[in-house]
Amino acid sequence: MAAGDSVAQRELAARHQLSVYAQVYAILIDPTAAEQVVVETFDHAWRSARAFNAAAGSPLAWLSEIARELAQRRKRTPTTT
């Protein structure tokens, strides 16, 4: 994935998307917001793939950290209607 391989990107999303969604939904309790954060999570992961360190943890742990941070940020940000 660090090399920018789009096949690897699709495989990563296919393998971990549901787990990341479940984690984000548990924080936000909003399916639309959770879907948006999942997209943001994988976009962020793809842009910063070179920062991934397999020795520091699994891809799911890395994605979970990104997702948790984005979901918490979304939760703290007031929404306007």
PDB file of N, CA and C in Angstrom:
ATOM      1  N   MET A   1       0.820  -1.192   0.000  1.00  0.00           N
ATOM      2  CA  MET A   1       0.000   0.000   0.000  1.00  0.00           C
ATOM      3  C   MET A   1       0.863   1.255   0.000  1.00  0.00           C
ATOM      4  N   ALA A   2       1.987   1.219   0.685  1.00  0.00           N
ATOM      5  CA  ALA A   2       2.848   2.396   0.745  1.00  0.00           C
ATOM      6  C   ALA A   2       3.345   2.804  -0.633  1.00  0.00           C
ATOM      7  N   ALA A   3       3.385   1.872  -1.560  1.00  0.00           N
ATOM      8  CA  ALA A   3       3.843   2.181  -2.908  1.00  0.00           C
ATOM      9  C   ALA A   3       2.749   2.811  -3.757  1.00  0.00           C
ATOM     10  N   GLY A   4       1.546   2.951  -3.231  1.00  0.00           N
ATOM     11  CA  GLY A   4       0.455   3.567  -3.969  1.00  0.00           C
ATOM     12  C   GLY A   4      -0.319   2.589  -4.835  1.00  0.00           C
ATOM     13  N   ASP A   5      -0.290   1.340  -4.507  1.00  0.00           N
ATOM     14  CA  ASP A   5      -0.952   0.288  -5.264  1.00  0.00           C
ATOM     15  C   ASP A   5      -2.460   0.351  -5.053  1.00  0.00           C
ATOM     16  N   SER A   6      -3.208   0.639  -6.119  1.00  0.00           N
ATOM     17  CA  SER A   6      -4.663   0.767  -5.986  1.00  0.00           C
ATOM     18  C   SER A   6      -5.328  -0.571  -5.674  1.00  0.00           C
ATOM     19  N   VAL A   7      -4.733  -1.674  -6.102  1.00  0.00           N
ATOM     20  CA  VAL A   7      -5.275  -2.992  -5.756  1.00  0.00           C
ATOM     21  C   VAL A   7      -5.164  -3.201  -4.248  1.00  0.00           C
ATOM     22  N   ALA A   8      -4.028  -2.830  -3.689  1.00  0.00           N
ATOM     23  CA  ALA A   8      -3.839  -2.949  -2.240  1.00  0.00           C
ATOM     24  C   ALA A   8      -4.835  -2.068  -1.497  1.00  0.00           C
ATOM     25  N   GLN A   9      -5.111  -0.896  -2.037  1.00  0.00           N
ATOM     26  CA  GLN A   9      -6.084   0.009  -1.419  1.00  0.00           C
ATOM     27  C   GLN A   9      -7.464  -0.644  -1.372  1.00  0.00           C
ATOM     28  N   ARG A  10      -7.883  -1.230  -2.471  1.00  0.00           N
ATOM     29  CA  ARG A  10      -9.195  -1.899  -2.517  1.00  0.00           C
ATOM     30  C   ARG A  10      -9.243  -3.089  -1.571  1.00  0.00           C
ATOM     31  N   GLU A  11      -8.165  -3.852  -1.514  1.00  0.00           N
ATOM     32  CA  GLU A  11      -8.117  -5.012  -0.616  1.00  0.00           C
ATOM     33  C   GLU A  11      -8.176  -4.585   0.846  1.00  0.00           C
ATOM     34  N   LEU A  12      -7.467  -3.524   1.180  1.00  0.00           N
ATOM     35  CA  LEU A  12      -7.486  -3.012   2.550  1.00  0.00           C
ATOM     36  C   LEU A  12      -8.900  -2.587   2.933  1.00  0.00           C
ATOM     37  N   ALA A  13      -9.565  -1.864   2.052  1.00  0.00           N
ATOM     38  CA  ALA A  13     -10.936  -1.421   2.326  1.00  0.00           C
ATOM     39  C   ALA A  13     -11.878  -2.616   2.434  1.00  0.00           C
ATOM     40  N   ALA A  14     -11.762  -3.559   1.524  1.00  0.00           N
ATOM     41  CA  ALA A  14     -12.645  -4.730   1.559  1.00  0.00           C
ATOM     42  C   ALA A  14     -12.464  -5.525   2.843  1.00  0.00           C
ATOM     43  N   ARG A  15     -11.248  -5.615   3.307  1.00  0.00           N
ATOM     44  CA  ARG A  15     -10.949  -6.406   4.494  1.00  0.00           C
ATOM     45  C   ARG A  15     -11.387  -5.717   5.788  1.00  0.00           C
ATOM     46  N   HIS A  16     -11.290  -4.391   5.858  1.00  0.00           N
ATOM     47  CA  HIS A  16     -11.461  -3.708   7.143  1.00  0.00           C
ATOM     48  C   HIS A  16     -12.616  -2.705   7.217  1.00  0.00           C
ATOM     49  N   GLN A  17     -13.300  -2.470   6.122  1.00  0.00           N
ATOM     50  CA  GLN A  17     -14.336  -1.437   6.099  1.00  0.00           C
ATOM     51  C   GLN A  17     -15.442  -1.681   7.124  1.00  0.00           C
ATOM     52  N   LEU A  18     -15.921  -2.896   7.240  1.00  0.00           N
ATOM     53  CA  LEU A  18     -17.013  -3.173   8.183  1.00  0.00           C
ATOM     54  C   LEU A  18     -16.575  -2.991   9.632  1.00  0.00           C
ATOM     55  N   SER A  19     -15.370  -3.405   9.954  1.00  0.00           N
ATOM     56  CA  SER A  19     -14.866  -3.225  11.323  1.00  0.00           C
ATOM     57  C   SER A  19     -14.715  -1.750  11.659  1.00  0.00           C
ATOM     58  N   VAL A  20     -14.181  -0.986  10.718  1.00  0.00           N
ATOM     59  CA  VAL A  20     -14.014   0.451  10.941  1.00  0.00           C
ATOM     60  C   VAL A  20     -15.382   1.114  11.073  1.00  0.00           C
ATOM     61  N   TYR A  21     -16.325   0.728  10.216  1.00  0.00           N
ATOM     62  CA  TYR A  21     -17.677   1.298  10.299  1.00  0.00           C
ATOM     63  C   TYR A  21     -18.305   1.010  11.664  1.00  0.00           C
ATOM     64  N   ALA A  22     -18.198  -0.216  12.137  1.00  0.00           N
ATOM     65  CA  ALA A  22     -18.790  -0.577  13.435  1.00  0.00           C
ATOM     66  C   ALA A  22     -18.198   0.266  14.555  1.00  0.00           C
ATOM     67  N   GLN A  23     -16.904   0.462  14.516  1.00  0.00           N
ATOM     68  CA  GLN A  23     -16.241   1.271  15.537  1.00  0.00           C
ATOM     69  C   GLN A  23     -16.728   2.718  15.481  1.00  0.00           C
ATOM     70  N   VAL A  24     -16.792   3.281  14.299  1.00  0.00           N
ATOM     71  CA  VAL A  24     -17.201   4.676  14.144  1.00  0.00           C
ATOM     72  C   VAL A  24     -18.674   4.844  14.491  1.00  0.00           C
ATOM     73  N   TYR A  25     -19.501   3.909  14.065  1.00  0.00           N
ATOM     74  CA  TYR A  25     -20.931   3.995  14.380  1.00  0.00           C
ATOM     75  C   TYR A  25     -21.154   3.956  15.893  1.00  0.00           C
ATOM     76  N   ALA A  26     -20.382   3.145  16.598  1.00  0.00           N
ATOM     77  CA  ALA A  26     -20.511   3.066  18.060  1.00  0.00           C
ATOM     78  C   ALA A  26     -20.204   4.408  18.722  1.00  0.00           C
ATOM     79  N   ILE A  27     -19.370   5.200  18.106  1.00  0.00           N
ATOM     80  CA  ILE A  27     -19.035   6.520  18.645  1.00  0.00           C
ATOM     81  C   ILE A  27     -20.091   7.550  18.255  1.00  0.00           C
ATOM     82  N   LEU A  28     -20.525   7.531  17.011  1.00  0.00           N
ATOM     83  CA  LEU A  28     -21.390   8.592  16.491  1.00  0.00           C
ATOM     84  C   LEU A  28     -22.883   8.290  16.559  1.00  0.00           C
ATOM     85  N   ILE A  29     -23.252   7.020  16.547  1.00  0.00           N
ATOM     86  CA  ILE A  29     -24.658   6.584  16.520  1.00  0.00           C
ATOM     87  C   ILE A  29     -25.435   7.333  15.425  1.00  0.00           C
ATOM     88  N   ASP A  30     -24.815   7.441  14.277  1.00  0.00           N
ATOM     89  CA  ASP A  30     -25.426   8.117  13.125  1.00  0.00           C
ATOM     90  C   ASP A  30     -24.873   7.441  11.876  1.00  0.00           C
ATOM     91  N   PRO A  31     -25.710   6.685  11.165  1.00  0.00           N
ATOM     92  CA  PRO A  31     -25.191   5.917  10.035  1.00  0.00           C
ATOM     93  C   PRO A  31     -24.583   6.778   8.927  1.00  0.00           C
ATOM     94  N   THR A  32     -25.185   7.917   8.639  1.00  0.00           N
ATOM     95  CA  THR A  32     -24.654   8.776   7.581  1.00  0.00           C
ATOM     96  C   THR A  32     -23.302   9.350   7.977  1.00  0.00           C
ATOM     97  N   ALA A  33     -23.218   9.858   9.193  1.00  0.00           N
ATOM     98  CA  ALA A  33     -21.946  10.403   9.675  1.00  0.00           C
ATOM     99  C   ALA A  33     -20.890   9.308   9.750  1.00  0.00           C
ATOM    100  N   ALA A  34     -21.279   8.119  10.173  1.00  0.00           N
ATOM    101  CA  ALA A  34     -20.333   7.006  10.261  1.00  0.00           C
ATOM    102  C   ALA A  34     -19.789   6.652   8.880  1.00  0.00           C
ATOM    103  N   GLU A  35     -20.650   6.611   7.876  1.00  0.00           N
ATOM    104  CA  GLU A  35     -20.203   6.316   6.513  1.00  0.00           C
ATOM    105  C   GLU A  35     -19.226   7.375   6.024  1.00  0.00           C
ATOM    106  N   GLN A  36     -19.521   8.638   6.323  1.00  0.00           N
ATOM    107  CA  GLN A  36     -18.622   9.720   5.912  1.00  0.00           C
ATOM    108  C   GLN A  36     -17.260   9.593   6.585  1.00  0.00           C
ATOM    109  N   VAL A  37     -17.257   9.266   7.862  1.00  0.00           N
ATOM    110  CA  VAL A  37     -15.989   9.123   8.586  1.00  0.00           C
ATOM    111  C   VAL A  37     -15.204   7.918   8.068  1.00  0.00           C
ATOM    112  N   VAL A  38     -15.881   6.852   7.698  1.00  0.00           N
ATOM    113  CA  VAL A  38     -15.179   5.692   7.134  1.00  0.00           C
ATOM    114  C   VAL A  38     -14.482   6.093   5.832  1.00  0.00           C
ATOM    115  N   VAL A  39     -15.172   6.828   4.987  1.00  0.00           N
ATOM    116  CA  VAL A  39     -14.557   7.303   3.741  1.00  0.00           C
ATOM    117  C   VAL A  39     -13.350   8.186   4.054  1.00  0.00           C
ATOM    118  N   GLU A  40     -13.514   9.103   5.002  1.00  0.00           N
ATOM    119  CA  GLU A  40     -12.408   9.975   5.406  1.00  0.00           C
ATOM    120  C   GLU A  40     -11.237   9.159   5.959  1.00  0.00           C
ATOM    121  N   THR A  41     -11.555   8.113   6.708  1.00  0.00           N
ATOM    122  CA  THR A  41     -10.512   7.265   7.291  1.00  0.00           C
ATOM    123  C   THR A  41      -9.661   6.618   6.211  1.00  0.00           C
ATOM    124  N   PHE A  42     -10.311   6.013   5.223  1.00  0.00           N
ATOM    125  CA  PHE A  42      -9.554   5.343   4.173  1.00  0.00           C
ATOM    126  C   PHE A  42      -8.840   6.347   3.274  1.00  0.00           C
ATOM    127  N   ASP A  43      -9.437   7.516   3.050  1.00  0.00           N
ATOM    128  CA  ASP A  43      -8.741   8.570   2.296  1.00  0.00           C
ATOM    129  C   ASP A  43      -7.475   9.000   3.035  1.00  0.00           C
ATOM    130  N   HIS A  44      -7.615   9.229   4.330  1.00  0.00           N
ATOM    131  CA  HIS A  44      -6.465   9.635   5.148  1.00  0.00           C
ATOM    132  C   HIS A  44      -5.389   8.541   5.134  1.00  0.00           C
ATOM    133  N   ALA A  45      -5.812   7.307   5.304  1.00  0.00           N
ATOM    134  CA  ALA A  45      -4.857   6.192   5.312  1.00  0.00           C
ATOM    135  C   ALA A  45      -4.114   6.111   3.982  1.00  0.00           C
ATOM    136  N   TRP A  46      -4.825   6.295   2.900  1.00  0.00           N
ATOM    137  CA  TRP A  46      -4.202   6.211   1.586  1.00  0.00           C
ATOM    138  C   TRP A  46      -3.182   7.332   1.393  1.00  0.00           C
ATOM    139  N   ARG A  47      -3.554   8.550   1.826  1.00  0.00           N
ATOM    140  CA  ARG A  47      -2.644   9.689   1.677  1.00  0.00           C
ATOM    141  C   ARG A  47      -1.402   9.552   2.563  1.00  0.00           C
ATOM    142  N   SER A  48      -1.547   8.885   3.696  1.00  0.00           N
ATOM    143  CA  SER A  48      -0.416   8.774   4.626  1.00  0.00           C
ATOM    144  C   SER A  48       0.106   7.343   4.721  1.00  0.00           C
ATOM    145  N   ALA A  49      -0.058   6.576   3.666  1.00  0.00           N
ATOM    146  CA  ALA A  49       0.340   5.163   3.676  1.00  0.00           C
ATOM    147  C   ALA A  49       1.816   4.974   4.000  1.00  0.00           C
ATOM    148  N   ARG A  50       2.639   5.897   3.602  1.00  0.00           N
ATOM    149  CA  ARG A  50       4.078   5.769   3.873  1.00  0.00           C
ATOM    150  C   ARG A  50       4.374   5.836   5.368  1.00  0.00           C
ATOM    151  N   ALA A  51       3.457   6.396   6.143  1.00  0.00           N
ATOM    152  CA  ALA A  51       3.653   6.508   7.593  1.00  0.00           C
ATOM    153  C   ALA A  51       3.312   5.211   8.325  1.00  0.00           C
ATOM    154  N   PHE A  52       2.640   4.279   7.643  1.00  0.00           N
ATOM    155  CA  PHE A  52       2.269   3.024   8.295  1.00  0.00           C
ATOM    156  C   PHE A  52       3.516   2.224   8.624  1.00  0.00           C
ATOM    157  N   ASN A  53       3.590   1.762   9.873  1.00  0.00           N
ATOM    158  CA  ASN A  53       4.722   0.967  10.342  1.00  0.00           C
ATOM    159  C   ASN A  53       4.186  -0.386  10.806  1.00  0.00           C
ATOM    160  N   ALA A  54       4.395  -1.410  10.011  1.00  0.00           N
ATOM    161  CA  ALA A  54       3.881  -2.743  10.337  1.00  0.00           C
ATOM    162  C   ALA A  54       4.448  -3.270  11.647  1.00  0.00           C
ATOM    163  N   ALA A  55       5.636  -2.828  12.019  1.00  0.00           N
ATOM    164  CA  ALA A  55       6.229  -3.283  13.275  1.00  0.00           C
ATOM    165  C   ALA A  55       5.495  -2.704  14.482  1.00  0.00           C
ATOM    166  N   ALA A  56       4.795  -1.594  14.273  1.00  0.00           N
ATOM    167  CA  ALA A  56       4.086  -0.933  15.376  1.00  0.00           C
ATOM    168  C   ALA A  56       2.671  -1.468  15.576  1.00  0.00           C
ATOM    169  N   GLY A  57       2.142  -2.195  14.601  1.00  0.00           N
ATOM    170  CA  GLY A  57       0.796  -2.733  14.748  1.00  0.00           C
ATOM    171  C   GLY A  57       0.209  -3.145  13.414  1.00  0.00           C
ATOM    172  N   SER A  58      -0.967  -3.716  13.488  1.00  0.00           N
ATOM    173  CA  SER A  58      -1.639  -4.223  12.292  1.00  0.00           C
ATOM    174  C   SER A  58      -2.276  -3.079  11.507  1.00  0.00           C
ATOM    175  N   PRO A  59      -2.599  -3.324  10.244  1.00  0.00           N
ATOM    176  CA  PRO A  59      -3.319  -2.311   9.481  1.00  0.00           C
ATOM    177  C   PRO A  59      -4.655  -1.932  10.137  1.00  0.00           C
ATOM    178  N   LEU A  60      -5.355  -2.916  10.699  1.00  0.00           N
ATOM    179  CA  LEU A  60      -6.630  -2.606  11.350  1.00  0.00           C
ATOM    180  C   LEU A  60      -6.425  -1.706  12.561  1.00  0.00           C
ATOM    181  N   ALA A  61      -5.385  -1.946  13.330  1.00  0.00           N
ATOM    182  CA  ALA A  61      -5.106  -1.083  14.484  1.00  0.00           C
ATOM    183  C   ALA A  61      -4.817   0.340  14.028  1.00  0.00           C
ATOM    184  N   TRP A  62      -4.068   0.478  12.963  1.00  0.00           N
ATOM    185  CA  TRP A  62      -3.743   1.791  12.408  1.00  0.00           C
ATOM    186  C   TRP A  62      -5.004   2.489  11.909  1.00  0.00           C
ATOM    187  N   LEU A  63      -5.818   1.774  11.148  1.00  0.00           N
ATOM    188  CA  LEU A  63      -7.074   2.345  10.655  1.00  0.00           C
ATOM    189  C   LEU A  63      -8.000   2.714  11.806  1.00  0.00           C
ATOM    190  N   SER A  64      -8.043   1.875  12.829  1.00  0.00           N
ATOM    191  CA  SER A  64      -8.899   2.144  13.986  1.00  0.00           C
ATOM    192  C   SER A  64      -8.479   3.419  14.698  1.00  0.00           C
ATOM    193  N   GLU A  65      -7.191   3.625  14.798  1.00  0.00           N
ATOM    194  CA  GLU A  65      -6.690   4.848  15.433  1.00  0.00           C
ATOM    195  C   GLU A  65      -7.106   6.084  14.632  1.00  0.00           C
ATOM    196  N   ILE A  66      -6.951   6.011  13.326  1.00  0.00           N
ATOM    197  CA  ILE A  66      -7.362   7.119  12.457  1.00  0.00           C
ATOM    198  C   ILE A  66      -8.863   7.348  12.583  1.00  0.00           C
ATOM    199  N   ALA A  67      -9.645   6.271  12.493  1.00  0.00           N
ATOM    200  CA  ALA A  67     -11.104   6.373  12.542  1.00  0.00           C
ATOM    201  C   ALA A  67     -11.584   6.941  13.870  1.00  0.00           C
ATOM    202  N   ARG A  68     -11.007   6.477  14.945  1.00  0.00           N
ATOM    203  CA  ARG A  68     -11.400   6.956  16.278  1.00  0.00           C
ATOM    204  C   ARG A  68     -11.144   8.460  16.402  1.00  0.00           C
ATOM    205  N   GLU A  69      -9.990   8.895  15.934  1.00  0.00           N
ATOM    206  CA  GLU A  69      -9.656  10.320  15.995  1.00  0.00           C
ATOM    207  C   GLU A  69     -10.634  11.149  15.159  1.00  0.00           C
ATOM    208  N   LEU A  70     -10.916  10.698  13.942  1.00  0.00           N
ATOM    209  CA  LEU A  70     -11.842  11.431  13.078  1.00  0.00           C
ATOM    210  C   LEU A  70     -13.261  11.436  13.647  1.00  0.00           C
ATOM    211  N   ALA A  71     -13.697  10.317  14.198  1.00  0.00           N
ATOM    212  CA  ALA A  71     -15.046  10.238  14.772  1.00  0.00           C
ATOM    213  C   ALA A  71     -15.169  11.132  16.000  1.00  0.00           C
ATOM    214  N   GLN A  72     -14.156  11.133  16.845  1.00  0.00           N
ATOM    215  CA  GLN A  72     -14.186  11.993  18.033  1.00  0.00           C
ATOM    216  C   GLN A  72     -14.197  13.461  17.622  1.00  0.00           C
ATOM    217  N   ARG A  73     -13.433  13.802  16.616  1.00  0.00           N
ATOM    218  CA  ARG A  73     -13.424  15.181  16.113  1.00  0.00           C
ATOM    219  C   ARG A  73     -14.806  15.559  15.581  1.00  0.00           C
ATOM    220  N   ARG A  74     -15.419  14.645  14.833  1.00  0.00           N
ATOM    221  CA  ARG A  74     -16.759  14.900  14.283  1.00  0.00           C
ATOM    222  C   ARG A  74     -17.766  15.067  15.411  1.00  0.00           C
ATOM    223  N   LYS A  75     -17.632  14.262  16.443  1.00  0.00           N
ATOM    224  CA  LYS A  75     -18.565  14.310  17.575  1.00  0.00           C
ATOM    225  C   LYS A  75     -18.442  15.634  18.335  1.00  0.00           C
ATOM    226  N   ARG A  76     -17.237  16.155  18.446  1.00  0.00           N
ATOM    227  CA  ARG A  76     -17.011  17.413  19.167  1.00  0.00           C
ATOM    228  C   ARG A  76     -17.436  18.636  18.368  1.00  0.00           C
ATOM    229  N   THR A  77     -17.438  18.519  17.039  1.00  0.00           N
ATOM    230  CA  THR A  77     -17.762  19.659  16.190  1.00  0.00           C
ATOM    231  C   THR A  77     -19.265  19.871  16.158  1.00  0.00           C
ATOM    232  N   PRO A  78     -19.718  21.058  16.559  1.00  0.00           N
ATOM    233  CA  PRO A  78     -21.164  21.309  16.526  1.00  0.00           C
ATOM    234  C   PRO A  78     -21.673  21.329  15.086  1.00  0.00           C
ATOM    235  N   THR A  79     -22.848  20.778  14.903  1.00  0.00           N
ATOM    236  CA  THR A  79     -23.458  20.773  13.577  1.00  0.00           C
ATOM    237  C   THR A  79     -24.388  21.965  13.448  1.00  0.00           C
ATOM    238  N   THR A  80     -24.482  22.476  12.244  1.00  0.00           N
ATOM    239  CA  THR A  80     -25.398  23.588  11.990  1.00  0.00           C
ATOM    240  C   THR A  80     -26.510  23.106  11.079  1.00  0.00           C
ATOM    241  N   THR A  81     -27.708  23.575  11.331  1.00  0.00           N
ATOM    242  CA  THR A  81     -28.846  23.175  10.498  1.00  0.00           C
ATOM    243  C   THR A  81     -29.479  24.354   9.840  1.00  0.00           C
TER     244      THR A  81
END
